[in-house]
Amino acid sequence: MNQQNWVWAAIPITAILAGVLTTWIRARHGYPLDSRHGRRRGSSEAPKEMDDLKAAVAARDATIAKLEERVRVLERIATDRSAALRDEIERLRT
């Protein structure tokens, strides 16, 4: 019976190590850390951060759309004949 007493010590040690490892993995990969009552730590900041992130993504998407349009114009100018190119440039100047 005394030979199996190590099991009773290994169970809580394993549970503690599993909790520490889980927290480390979640923190490393950017997942929110939960408190014991199921509420996120710093959850009052989460909506503001999400709004900021959504605004940044919208600004990035608008910039990408502008750049795509400019690339389309440049591709069209580069592939047109020289007479059509000259006419296009003159049209854009006015």
Protein backbone atom coordinates (compact mmCIF):
# COMPACT_ATOMS: atom_id res chain seq x y z
CA MET A 1 0.00 0.00 0.00
CA ASN A 2 2.86 2.40 0.74
CA GLN A 3 4.32 1.85 -2.70
CA GLN A 4 1.38 3.58 -4.39
CA ASN A 5 1.40 6.78 -2.31
CA TRP A 6 3.31 8.56 -5.08
CA VAL A 7 0.13 8.43 -7.20
CA TRP A 8 -1.68 10.69 -4.73
CA ALA A 9 1.13 13.23 -5.02
CA ALA A 10 1.41 12.96 -8.81
CA ILE A 11 -2.27 13.73 -9.48
CA PRO A 12 -2.31 17.33 -8.12
CA ILE A 13 1.14 18.05 -9.54
CA THR A 14 -0.04 16.92 -12.98
CA ALA A 15 -3.19 19.05 -12.70
CA ILE A 16 -1.17 22.14 -11.76
CA LEU A 17 1.27 21.59 -14.62
CA ALA A 18 -1.61 21.10 -17.07
CA GLY A 19 -3.18 24.38 -15.97
CA VAL A 20 0.10 26.26 -16.32
CA LEU A 21 0.75 24.73 -19.74
CA THR A 22 -2.77 25.55 -20.95
CA THR A 23 -2.46 29.17 -19.80
CA TRP A 24 0.95 29.52 -21.45
CA ILE A 25 -0.32 28.15 -24.78
CA ARG A 26 -3.40 30.41 -24.72
CA ALA A 27 -1.29 33.48 -23.93
CA ARG A 28 1.29 32.64 -26.57
CA HIS A 29 -1.31 32.30 -29.32
CA GLY A 30 -3.27 35.41 -28.29
CA TYR A 31 -6.37 33.78 -26.88
CA PRO A 32 -8.11 35.61 -24.03
CA LEU A 33 -7.31 34.37 -20.56
CA ASP A 34 -10.45 33.44 -18.61
CA SER A 35 -10.93 33.95 -14.91
CA ARG A 36 -12.35 31.21 -12.73
CA HIS A 37 -15.90 32.57 -13.07
CA GLY A 38 -15.94 32.45 -16.86
CA ARG A 39 -15.48 36.20 -17.34
CA ARG A 40 -12.61 37.39 -19.46
CA ARG A 41 -9.96 39.48 -17.85
CA GLY A 42 -10.13 42.97 -19.25
CA SER A 43 -13.39 42.23 -21.03
CA SER A 44 -14.46 45.89 -20.81
CA GLU A 45 -11.64 46.71 -23.23
CA ALA A 46 -12.62 44.05 -25.78
CA PRO A 47 -15.44 45.96 -27.57
CA LYS A 48 -13.24 49.05 -27.99
CA GLU A 49 -10.39 46.95 -29.35
CA MET A 50 -12.76 45.21 -31.75
CA ASP A 51 -14.10 48.56 -33.00
CA ASP A 52 -10.55 49.82 -33.52
CA LEU A 53 -9.65 46.63 -35.36
CA LYS A 54 -12.73 46.84 -37.58
CA ALA A 55 -11.94 50.48 -38.42
CA ALA A 56 -8.34 49.56 -39.29
CA VAL A 57 -9.52 46.71 -41.54
CA ALA A 58 -12.02 48.99 -43.28
CA ALA A 59 -9.31 51.60 -43.89
CA ARG A 60 -6.99 48.92 -45.24
CA ASP A 61 -9.69 47.59 -47.55
CA ALA A 62 -10.39 51.10 -48.88
CA THR A 63 -6.68 51.62 -49.56
CA ILE A 64 -6.44 48.28 -51.34
CA ALA A 65 -9.47 49.13 -53.51
CA LYS A 66 -7.87 52.46 -54.53
CA LEU A 67 -4.59 50.76 -55.36
CA GLU A 68 -6.32 48.05 -57.39
CA GLU A 69 -8.07 50.69 -59.48
CA ARG A 70 -4.78 52.51 -60.09
CA VAL A 71 -3.10 49.26 -61.14
CA ARG A 72 -5.96 48.55 -63.58
CA VAL A 73 -5.49 52.00 -65.16
CA LEU A 74 -1.72 51.53 -65.38
CA GLU A 75 -2.12 48.07 -66.94
CA ARG A 76 -4.55 49.42 -69.50
CA ILE A 77 -2.20 52.32 -70.34
CA ALA A 78 0.79 50.00 -70.63
CA THR A 79 -0.97 47.58 -72.98
CA ASP A 80 -2.70 50.11 -75.25
CA ARG A 81 -1.30 51.25 -78.56
CA SER A 82 0.66 54.51 -78.54
CA ALA A 83 -2.11 56.56 -80.25
CA ALA A 84 -4.69 55.30 -77.79
CA LEU A 85 -2.24 55.96 -74.97
CA ARG A 86 -1.76 59.56 -76.06
CA ASP A 87 -5.53 60.06 -76.26
CA GLU A 88 -6.03 58.52 -72.81
CA ILE A 89 -3.37 60.77 -71.26
CA GLU A 90 -4.95 63.83 -72.84
CA ARG A 91 -8.36 62.76 -71.59
CA LEU A 92 -7.02 62.32 -68.07
CA ARG A 93 -5.41 65.77 -68.09
CA THR A 94 -8.71 67.49 -68.72
